[in-house]
Amino acid sequence: MKCAHVIVGLAFAVVLVAVTAPPKPTLTVVEDFSGSLDEQSFAEARATLTEEIPGLIEELGIERFEVRTFDIDGWQSRRVTDCSLPTLELPVEEPRTGNESLGFKNIAEADRDDRERRRTIKIDSAKAAYHRKLEPILKTALPLPGPSDKYESPSSDIAGVFEYIASLTAVQPTYVILLTDLADTAYKELPVLRVPRGNVHVVVVLVPAKPSEITRTYGRFLTGARQFELRVGQMHRAAPWALVVPHTSHGYIDLLRQVRR
């Protein structure tokens, strides 16, 4: 379609288009506090994630971070942390001065190098200011909390957690990391779970269950590797839109980026 331009005398009609700010991403960590997870493996997963969260927040531009825990009711998980985070605003590239069009290579290169040097200084300054604001906030939010010693709930509601996740309808990128053994008291095999309607990316960090719990569920002991194999198959059938990774995983930035519904 061609654009029509209307000029009346020397008066020009100018249409101003409002620029909408990009959506602000959020990160939610959901922890299974039912007491069925192997304590050592759970602690290892929390430690790794705690270490990576600051870089993950900066890399993905997260502006809200929350931590939730659940046991008997996955839908009504308990929010234990809710932080609004600062924005990292990097400087835009400076416009060219015009020297590059003169045809003198040395002048063009010197101008380009000078602009890049100034931009690097501004970037370093912006990042330093961002870190000064971010660090005290994360000191109150990290490390990720652990469950009470020897606590074990009467039941565990994994299906309810996924129903809660499916209810998220935010337009902004919403990253969810769920730490669990995927043991649901009501289901030996999870039902088909609803696909989230919003811009939701889910990584399930599978923590092995305690020997007593896995024996109670399957009637025999299963190694962590065998549990992972079975649970990945179950999640593929129930929620193929979620990425399942072992509790020893690292590189959560790449894991969250590769999740696609």
C-alpha atoms as a PDB file:
ATOM      1  CA  MET A   1       0.000   0.000   0.000  1.00  0.00           C
ATOM      2  CA  LYS A   2       1.343   3.442  -0.951  1.00  0.00           C
ATOM      3  CA  CYS A   3       1.440   6.245   1.601  1.00  0.00           C
ATOM      4  CA  ALA A   4      -0.494   9.425   0.868  1.00  0.00           C
ATOM      5  CA  HIS A   5       1.145  12.764   1.720  1.00  0.00           C
ATOM      6  CA  VAL A   6      -1.174  15.785   2.087  1.00  0.00           C
ATOM      7  CA  ILE A   7       0.306  19.304   2.098  1.00  0.00           C
ATOM      8  CA  VAL A   8      -1.795  22.420   2.618  1.00  0.00           C
ATOM      9  CA  GLY A   9       0.238  25.547   1.933  1.00  0.00           C
ATOM     10  CA  LEU A  10       3.233  25.424   4.254  1.00  0.00           C
ATOM     11  CA  ALA A  11       1.422  23.429   6.945  1.00  0.00           C
ATOM     12  CA  PHE A  12       2.372  19.811   7.330  1.00  0.00           C
ATOM     13  CA  ALA A  13       0.261  17.184   9.085  1.00  0.00           C
ATOM     14  CA  VAL A  14       2.506  15.274  11.476  1.00  0.00           C
ATOM     15  CA  VAL A  15       1.410  11.997  13.023  1.00  0.00           C
ATOM     16  CA  LEU A  16       3.215  11.057  16.216  1.00  0.00           C
ATOM     17  CA  VAL A  17       3.430   7.335  16.901  1.00  0.00           C
ATOM     18  CA  ALA A  18       3.809   6.336  20.530  1.00  0.00           C
ATOM     19  CA  VAL A  19       6.629   3.877  21.100  1.00  0.00           C
ATOM     20  CA  THR A  20       5.598   1.103  23.435  1.00  0.00           C
ATOM     21  CA  ALA A  21       8.228  -0.066  25.883  1.00  0.00           C
ATOM     22  CA  PRO A  22       9.145  -3.754  25.496  1.00  0.00           C
ATOM     23  CA  PRO A  23       7.565  -6.158  28.000  1.00  0.00           C
ATOM     24  CA  LYS A  24       9.509  -6.689  31.216  1.00  0.00           C
ATOM     25  CA  PRO A  25      10.569 -10.336  31.714  1.00  0.00           C
ATOM     26  CA  THR A  26       9.933 -12.152  34.988  1.00  0.00           C
ATOM     27  CA  LEU A  27      11.649 -15.130  36.610  1.00  0.00           C
ATOM     28  CA  THR A  28       9.903 -17.479  39.042  1.00  0.00           C
ATOM     29  CA  VAL A  29      11.607 -20.330  40.890  1.00  0.00           C
ATOM     30  CA  VAL A  30       9.156 -22.893  42.320  1.00  0.00           C
ATOM     31  CA  GLU A  31      10.490 -25.349  44.922  1.00  0.00           C
ATOM     32  CA  ASP A  32       8.930 -28.647  45.961  1.00  0.00           C
ATOM     33  CA  PHE A  33       8.862 -28.645  49.778  1.00  0.00           C
ATOM     34  CA  SER A  34       6.832 -31.868  50.142  1.00  0.00           C
ATOM     35  CA  GLY A  35       9.793 -33.652  51.744  1.00  0.00           C
ATOM     36  CA  SER A  36      10.015 -36.466  49.183  1.00  0.00           C
ATOM     37  CA  LEU A  37      13.151 -35.152  47.442  1.00  0.00           C
ATOM     38  CA  ASP A  38      16.619 -36.511  48.180  1.00  0.00           C
ATOM     39  CA  GLU A  39      18.104 -33.850  50.489  1.00  0.00           C
ATOM     40  CA  GLN A  40      21.652 -33.869  49.122  1.00  0.00           C
ATOM     41  CA  SER A  41      20.550 -33.691  45.474  1.00  0.00           C
ATOM     42  CA  PHE A  42      18.034 -30.955  46.263  1.00  0.00           C
ATOM     43  CA  ALA A  43      20.701 -28.909  48.064  1.00  0.00           C
ATOM     44  CA  GLU A  44      23.053 -29.311  45.087  1.00  0.00           C
ATOM     45  CA  ALA A  45      20.402 -28.089  42.634  1.00  0.00           C
ATOM     46  CA  ARG A  46      19.587 -25.063  44.822  1.00  0.00           C
ATOM     47  CA  ALA A  47      23.270 -24.172  45.199  1.00  0.00           C
ATOM     48  CA  THR A  48      23.914 -24.271  41.458  1.00  0.00           C
ATOM     49  CA  LEU A  49      20.845 -22.212  40.671  1.00  0.00           C
ATOM     50  CA  THR A  50      21.646 -19.694  43.429  1.00  0.00           C
ATOM     51  CA  GLU A  51      25.084 -19.178  41.907  1.00  0.00           C
ATOM     52  CA  GLU A  52      23.697 -18.638  38.394  1.00  0.00           C
ATOM     53  CA  ILE A  53      20.665 -16.464  39.165  1.00  0.00           C
ATOM     54  CA  PRO A  54      22.497 -13.063  39.208  1.00  0.00           C
ATOM     55  CA  GLY A  55      23.995 -13.635  35.746  1.00  0.00           C
ATOM     56  CA  LEU A  56      20.735 -15.101  34.492  1.00  0.00           C
ATOM     57  CA  ILE A  57      18.818 -12.024  35.642  1.00  0.00           C
ATOM     58  CA  GLU A  58      21.247  -9.674  33.915  1.00  0.00           C
ATOM     59  CA  GLU A  59      21.473 -11.671  30.681  1.00  0.00           C
ATOM     60  CA  LEU A  60      17.709 -12.087  30.261  1.00  0.00           C
ATOM     61  CA  GLY A  61      16.851  -8.583  31.472  1.00  0.00           C
ATOM     62  CA  ILE A  62      14.690  -9.876  34.330  1.00  0.00           C
ATOM     63  CA  GLU A  63      12.843  -7.068  36.146  1.00  0.00           C
ATOM     64  CA  ARG A  64      10.843  -9.170  38.603  1.00  0.00           C
ATOM     65  CA  PHE A  65      12.109 -12.183  40.542  1.00  0.00           C
ATOM     66  CA  GLU A  66      10.048 -14.389  42.824  1.00  0.00           C
ATOM     67  CA  VAL A  67      10.473 -17.669  44.690  1.00  0.00           C
ATOM     68  CA  ARG A  68       7.505 -19.893  45.548  1.00  0.00           C
ATOM     69  CA  THR A  69       7.226 -23.178  47.478  1.00  0.00           C
ATOM     70  CA  PHE A  70       4.512 -25.833  47.546  1.00  0.00           C
ATOM     71  CA  ASP A  71       3.602 -29.235  48.972  1.00  0.00           C
ATOM     72  CA  ILE A  72      -0.016 -30.419  49.357  1.00  0.00           C
ATOM     73  CA  ASP A  73      -1.473 -27.690  47.119  1.00  0.00           C
ATOM     74  CA  GLY A  74       0.461 -26.834  43.979  1.00  0.00           C
ATOM     75  CA  TRP A  75      -2.088 -24.268  42.797  1.00  0.00           C
ATOM     76  CA  GLN A  76      -1.741 -22.205  45.962  1.00  0.00           C
ATOM     77  CA  SER A  77       2.031 -22.167  46.210  1.00  0.00           C
ATOM     78  CA  ARG A  78       3.509 -19.884  48.847  1.00  0.00           C
ATOM     79  CA  ARG A  79       5.415 -16.828  47.692  1.00  0.00           C
ATOM     80  CA  VAL A  80       8.507 -16.417  49.868  1.00  0.00           C
ATOM     81  CA  THR A  81      10.388 -13.873  47.736  1.00  0.00           C
ATOM     82  CA  ASP A  82       9.132 -11.112  45.450  1.00  0.00           C
ATOM     83  CA  CYS A  83      11.639  -8.551  44.157  1.00  0.00           C
ATOM     84  CA  SER A  84      11.371  -5.694  41.685  1.00  0.00           C
ATOM     85  CA  LEU A  85      14.739  -5.399  39.986  1.00  0.00           C
ATOM     86  CA  PRO A  86      16.536  -2.454  38.336  1.00  0.00           C
ATOM     87  CA  THR A  87      16.791  -2.050  34.582  1.00  0.00           C
ATOM     88  CA  LEU A  88      20.116  -2.231  32.780  1.00  0.00           C
ATOM     89  CA  GLU A  89      20.015   0.641  30.277  1.00  0.00           C
ATOM     90  CA  LEU A  90      22.909   0.461  27.836  1.00  0.00           C
ATOM     91  CA  PRO A  91      23.875   3.516  25.753  1.00  0.00           C
ATOM     92  CA  VAL A  92      22.979   3.584  22.068  1.00  0.00           C
ATOM     93  CA  GLU A  93      25.711   3.785  19.481  1.00  0.00           C
ATOM     94  CA  GLU A  94      26.830   7.327  18.756  1.00  0.00           C
ATOM     95  CA  PRO A  95      26.028   8.692  15.269  1.00  0.00           C
ATOM     96  CA  ARG A  96      28.836   9.027  12.800  1.00  0.00           C
ATOM     97  CA  THR A  97      30.556  12.420  12.613  1.00  0.00           C
ATOM     98  CA  GLY A  98      30.789  12.506   8.840  1.00  0.00           C
ATOM     99  CA  ASN A  99      34.541  11.939   8.710  1.00  0.00           C
ATOM    100  CA  GLU A 100      34.031   8.401   7.461  1.00  0.00           C
ATOM    101  CA  SER A 101      32.542   9.734   4.239  1.00  0.00           C
ATOM    102  CA  LEU A 102      35.678  11.712   3.387  1.00  0.00           C
ATOM    103  CA  GLY A 103      37.382   8.677   1.939  1.00  0.00           C
ATOM    104  CA  PHE A 104      40.422   8.857   4.202  1.00  0.00           C
ATOM    105  CA  LYS A 105      40.817   5.438   5.784  1.00  0.00           C
ATOM    106  CA  ASN A 106      42.951   6.583   8.697  1.00  0.00           C
ATOM    107  CA  ILE A 107      40.498   9.366   9.625  1.00  0.00           C
ATOM    108  CA  ALA A 108      37.538   7.005   9.374  1.00  0.00           C
ATOM    109  CA  GLU A 109      39.222   4.377  11.530  1.00  0.00           C
ATOM    110  CA  ALA A 110      40.262   6.925  14.160  1.00  0.00           C
ATOM    111  CA  ASP A 111      36.705   8.293  14.327  1.00  0.00           C
ATOM    112  CA  ARG A 112      35.248   4.795  14.646  1.00  0.00           C
ATOM    113  CA  ASP A 113      37.738   3.821  17.361  1.00  0.00           C
ATOM    114  CA  ASP A 114      37.005   7.012  19.316  1.00  0.00           C
ATOM    115  CA  ARG A 115      33.255   6.412  19.219  1.00  0.00           C
ATOM    116  CA  GLU A 116      33.733   2.809  20.316  1.00  0.00           C
ATOM    117  CA  ARG A 117      36.015   3.870  23.179  1.00  0.00           C
ATOM    118  CA  ARG A 118      33.461   6.371  24.476  1.00  0.00           C
ATOM    119  CA  ARG A 119      30.665   3.826  24.155  1.00  0.00           C
ATOM    120  CA  THR A 120      32.682   1.208  26.083  1.00  0.00           C
ATOM    121  CA  ILE A 121      33.221   3.693  28.923  1.00  0.00           C
ATOM    122  CA  LYS A 122      29.480   4.434  29.037  1.00  0.00           C
ATOM    123  CA  ILE A 123      28.606   0.713  29.002  1.00  0.00           C
ATOM    124  CA  ASP A 124      30.997  -0.025  31.863  1.00  0.00           C
ATOM    125  CA  SER A 125      29.528   2.874  33.849  1.00  0.00           C
ATOM    126  CA  ALA A 126      25.939   1.724  33.208  1.00  0.00           C
ATOM    127  CA  LYS A 127      26.750  -1.847  34.253  1.00  0.00           C
ATOM    128  CA  ALA A 128      28.511  -0.675  37.419  1.00  0.00           C
ATOM    129  CA  ALA A 129      25.473   1.417  38.402  1.00  0.00           C
ATOM    130  CA  TYR A 130      23.166  -1.525  37.636  1.00  0.00           C
ATOM    131  CA  HIS A 131      25.203  -3.921  39.787  1.00  0.00           C
ATOM    132  CA  ARG A 132      25.237  -1.429  42.685  1.00  0.00           C
ATOM    133  CA  LYS A 133      21.426  -1.441  42.656  1.00  0.00           C
ATOM    134  CA  LEU A 134      21.021  -5.178  42.018  1.00  0.00           C
ATOM    135  CA  GLU A 135      23.462  -6.678  44.521  1.00  0.00           C
ATOM    136  CA  PRO A 136      21.781  -5.534  47.778  1.00  0.00           C
ATOM    137  CA  ILE A 137      18.408  -6.758  46.500  1.00  0.00           C
ATOM    138  CA  LEU A 138      19.728 -10.220  45.665  1.00  0.00           C
ATOM    139  CA  LYS A 139      21.512 -10.450  49.010  1.00  0.00           C
ATOM    140  CA  THR A 140      18.087 -10.507  50.656  1.00  0.00           C
ATOM    141  CA  ALA A 141      16.661 -12.998  48.105  1.00  0.00           C
ATOM    142  CA  LEU A 142      19.500 -15.511  47.875  1.00  0.00           C
ATOM    143  CA  PRO A 143      20.474 -18.236  48.563  1.00  0.00           C
ATOM    144  CA  LEU A 144      17.335 -20.121  47.591  1.00  0.00           C
ATOM    145  CA  PRO A 145      15.588 -21.430  50.716  1.00  0.00           C
ATOM    146  CA  GLY A 146      15.490 -25.095  51.674  1.00  0.00           C
ATOM    147  CA  PRO A 147      12.707 -27.054  53.389  1.00  0.00           C
ATOM    148  CA  SER A 148      12.587 -27.628  57.135  1.00  0.00           C
ATOM    149  CA  ASP A 149      14.654 -30.553  58.391  1.00  0.00           C
ATOM    150  CA  LYS A 150      12.842 -33.890  58.235  1.00  0.00           C
ATOM    151  CA  TYR A 151       9.601 -32.255  57.097  1.00  0.00           C
ATOM    152  CA  GLU A 152       7.317 -34.445  54.992  1.00  0.00           C
ATOM    153  CA  SER A 153       3.846 -33.352  53.893  1.00  0.00           C
ATOM    154  CA  PRO A 154       0.841 -35.707  53.742  1.00  0.00           C
ATOM    155  CA  SER A 155       0.718 -35.341  49.941  1.00  0.00           C
ATOM    156  CA  SER A 156       2.320 -33.646  46.936  1.00  0.00           C
ATOM    157  CA  ASP A 157       0.437 -31.833  44.165  1.00  0.00           C
ATOM    158  CA  ILE A 158       2.562 -31.554  41.019  1.00  0.00           C
ATOM    159  CA  ALA A 159      -0.458 -31.392  38.704  1.00  0.00           C
ATOM    160  CA  GLY A 160      -1.673 -28.347  40.643  1.00  0.00           C
ATOM    161  CA  VAL A 161       1.661 -26.584  40.062  1.00  0.00           C
ATOM    162  CA  PHE A 162       1.323 -27.053  36.318  1.00  0.00           C
ATOM    163  CA  GLU A 163      -2.280 -25.845  36.434  1.00  0.00           C
ATOM    164  CA  TYR A 164      -0.993 -22.688  38.125  1.00  0.00           C
ATOM    165  CA  ILE A 165       1.735 -22.277  35.471  1.00  0.00           C
ATOM    166  CA  ALA A 166      -0.836 -22.792  32.700  1.00  0.00           C
ATOM    167  CA  SER A 167      -2.928 -19.975  34.174  1.00  0.00           C
ATOM    168  CA  LEU A 168      -0.131 -17.414  33.637  1.00  0.00           C
ATOM    169  CA  THR A 169      -1.252 -15.124  30.821  1.00  0.00           C
ATOM    170  CA  ALA A 170       1.352 -12.376  30.902  1.00  0.00           C
ATOM    171  CA  VAL A 171       2.496 -10.893  27.601  1.00  0.00           C
ATOM    172  CA  GLN A 172       6.067 -10.457  28.826  1.00  0.00           C
ATOM    173  CA  PRO A 173       8.486 -13.399  28.749  1.00  0.00           C
ATOM    174  CA  THR A 174       7.830 -15.421  31.910  1.00  0.00           C
ATOM    175  CA  TYR A 175      10.556 -17.881  32.894  1.00  0.00           C
ATOM    176  CA  VAL A 176       9.674 -20.628  35.374  1.00  0.00           C
ATOM    177  CA  ILE A 177      12.214 -23.009  36.949  1.00  0.00           C
ATOM    178  CA  LEU A 178      10.567 -25.846  38.888  1.00  0.00           C
ATOM    179  CA  LEU A 179      12.673 -27.949  41.282  1.00  0.00           C
ATOM    180  CA  THR A 180      10.859 -31.210  42.027  1.00  0.00           C
ATOM    181  CA  ASP A 181      10.972 -35.005  41.889  1.00  0.00           C
ATOM    182  CA  LEU A 182       7.652 -34.968  39.948  1.00  0.00           C
ATOM    183  CA  ALA A 183       6.065 -37.301  42.511  1.00  0.00           C
ATOM    184  CA  ASP A 184       2.332 -36.551  42.620  1.00  0.00           C
ATOM    185  CA  THR A 185       0.340 -38.307  45.326  1.00  0.00           C
ATOM    186  CA  ALA A 186      -2.825 -38.453  43.203  1.00  0.00           C
ATOM    187  CA  TYR A 187      -1.165 -39.669  39.993  1.00  0.00           C
ATOM    188  CA  LYS A 188       1.438 -42.316  39.293  1.00  0.00           C
ATOM    189  CA  GLU A 189       1.333 -41.084  35.686  1.00  0.00           C
ATOM    190  CA  LEU A 190       0.579 -37.384  35.282  1.00  0.00           C
ATOM    191  CA  PRO A 191      -2.441 -36.509  33.102  1.00  0.00           C
ATOM    192  CA  VAL A 192      -2.076 -34.368  29.983  1.00  0.00           C
ATOM    193  CA  LEU A 193      -1.369 -30.875  31.306  1.00  0.00           C
ATOM    194  CA  ARG A 194      -2.714 -27.644  29.836  1.00  0.00           C
ATOM    195  CA  VAL A 195      -0.381 -25.568  27.674  1.00  0.00           C
ATOM    196  CA  PRO A 196       0.283 -22.117  29.146  1.00  0.00           C
ATOM    197  CA  ARG A 197      -1.536 -19.375  27.273  1.00  0.00           C
ATOM    198  CA  GLY A 198       1.034 -16.709  28.005  1.00  0.00           C
ATOM    199  CA  ASN A 199       4.641 -16.236  26.913  1.00  0.00           C
ATOM    200  CA  VAL A 200       5.818 -18.877  29.381  1.00  0.00           C
ATOM    201  CA  HIS A 201       9.068 -20.861  29.307  1.00  0.00           C
ATOM    202  CA  VAL A 202       9.334 -23.763  31.770  1.00  0.00           C
ATOM    203  CA  VAL A 203      12.393 -25.743  32.866  1.00  0.00           C
ATOM    204  CA  VAL A 204      11.804 -28.673  35.233  1.00  0.00           C
ATOM    205  CA  VAL A 205      14.875 -29.532  37.314  1.00  0.00           C
ATOM    206  CA  LEU A 206      14.356 -33.162  38.227  1.00  0.00           C
ATOM    207  CA  VAL A 207      15.681 -33.997  41.677  1.00  0.00           C
ATOM    208  CA  PRO A 208      15.792 -37.736  42.561  1.00  0.00           C
ATOM    209  CA  ALA A 209      13.277 -38.884  45.166  1.00  0.00           C
ATOM    210  CA  LYS A 210      14.313 -40.425  48.456  1.00  0.00           C
ATOM    211  CA  PRO A 211      14.767 -44.221  48.283  1.00  0.00           C
ATOM    212  CA  SER A 212      11.745 -44.732  50.565  1.00  0.00           C
ATOM    213  CA  GLU A 213       9.577 -42.469  48.379  1.00  0.00           C
ATOM    214  CA  ILE A 214      10.537 -44.051  45.065  1.00  0.00           C
ATOM    215  CA  THR A 215      10.062 -47.538  46.511  1.00  0.00           C
ATOM    216  CA  ARG A 216       6.613 -46.565  47.762  1.00  0.00           C
ATOM    217  CA  THR A 217       5.692 -45.222  44.303  1.00  0.00           C
ATOM    218  CA  TYR A 218       7.109 -47.968  42.077  1.00  0.00           C
ATOM    219  CA  GLY A 219       7.360 -50.910  44.467  1.00  0.00           C
ATOM    220  CA  ARG A 220      11.130 -51.108  44.059  1.00  0.00           C
ATOM    221  CA  PHE A 221      14.237 -48.948  44.313  1.00  0.00           C
ATOM    222  CA  LEU A 222      15.252 -47.002  41.195  1.00  0.00           C
ATOM    223  CA  THR A 223      18.557 -45.221  40.645  1.00  0.00           C
ATOM    224  CA  GLY A 224      18.555 -41.485  39.952  1.00  0.00           C
ATOM    225  CA  ALA A 225      19.348 -42.156  36.287  1.00  0.00           C
ATOM    226  CA  ARG A 226      16.417 -44.561  35.956  1.00  0.00           C
ATOM    227  CA  GLN A 227      14.093 -42.097  37.706  1.00  0.00           C
ATOM    228  CA  PHE A 228      15.176 -39.398  35.264  1.00  0.00           C
ATOM    229  CA  GLU A 229      14.513 -41.668  32.290  1.00  0.00           C
ATOM    230  CA  LEU A 230      11.011 -42.524  33.514  1.00  0.00           C
ATOM    231  CA  ARG A 231      10.082 -38.961  34.447  1.00  0.00           C
ATOM    232  CA  VAL A 232      11.287 -37.530  31.121  1.00  0.00           C
ATOM    233  CA  GLY A 233       9.012 -39.993  29.343  1.00  0.00           C
ATOM    234  CA  GLN A 234       6.096 -39.019  31.568  1.00  0.00           C
ATOM    235  CA  MET A 235       6.648 -35.300  30.991  1.00  0.00           C
ATOM    236  CA  HIS A 236       6.943 -35.846  27.250  1.00  0.00           C
ATOM    237  CA  ARG A 237       3.453 -37.329  27.313  1.00  0.00           C
ATOM    238  CA  ALA A 238       1.957 -34.914  29.848  1.00  0.00           C
ATOM    239  CA  ALA A 239       3.668 -31.595  29.032  1.00  0.00           C
ATOM    240  CA  PRO A 240       5.976 -31.682  25.988  1.00  0.00           C
ATOM    241  CA  TRP A 241       6.213 -27.879  26.187  1.00  0.00           C
ATOM    242  CA  ALA A 242       8.388 -28.118  29.330  1.00  0.00           C
ATOM    243  CA  LEU A 243      12.103 -28.926  29.282  1.00  0.00           C
ATOM    244  CA  VAL A 244      13.222 -31.536  31.841  1.00  0.00           C
ATOM    245  CA  VAL A 245      16.861 -31.470  32.990  1.00  0.00           C
ATOM    246  CA  PRO A 246      18.757 -33.344  35.744  1.00  0.00           C
ATOM    247  CA  HIS A 247      19.528 -31.697  39.083  1.00  0.00           C
ATOM    248  CA  THR A 248      23.241 -31.549  38.162  1.00  0.00           C
ATOM    249  CA  SER A 249      22.559 -29.161  35.254  1.00  0.00           C
ATOM    250  CA  HIS A 250      24.404 -25.892  34.723  1.00  0.00           C
ATOM    251  CA  GLY A 251      23.968 -23.073  32.215  1.00  0.00           C
ATOM    252  CA  TYR A 252      20.392 -22.079  33.002  1.00  0.00           C
ATOM    253  CA  ILE A 253      20.551 -19.106  30.626  1.00  0.00           C
ATOM    254  CA  ASP A 254      20.932 -21.427  27.649  1.00  0.00           C
ATOM    255  CA  LEU A 255      18.331 -23.849  29.038  1.00  0.00           C
ATOM    256  CA  LEU A 256      15.678 -21.140  29.371  1.00  0.00           C
ATOM    257  CA  ARG A 257      16.438 -19.732  25.942  1.00  0.00           C
ATOM    258  CA  GLN A 258      15.952 -23.060  24.230  1.00  0.00           C
ATOM    259  CA  VAL A 259      12.507 -23.693  25.736  1.00  0.00           C
ATOM    260  CA  ARG A 260       9.805 -23.238  23.109  1.00  0.00           C
ATOM    261  CA  ARG A 261       6.148 -24.086  23.302  1.00  0.00           C
END
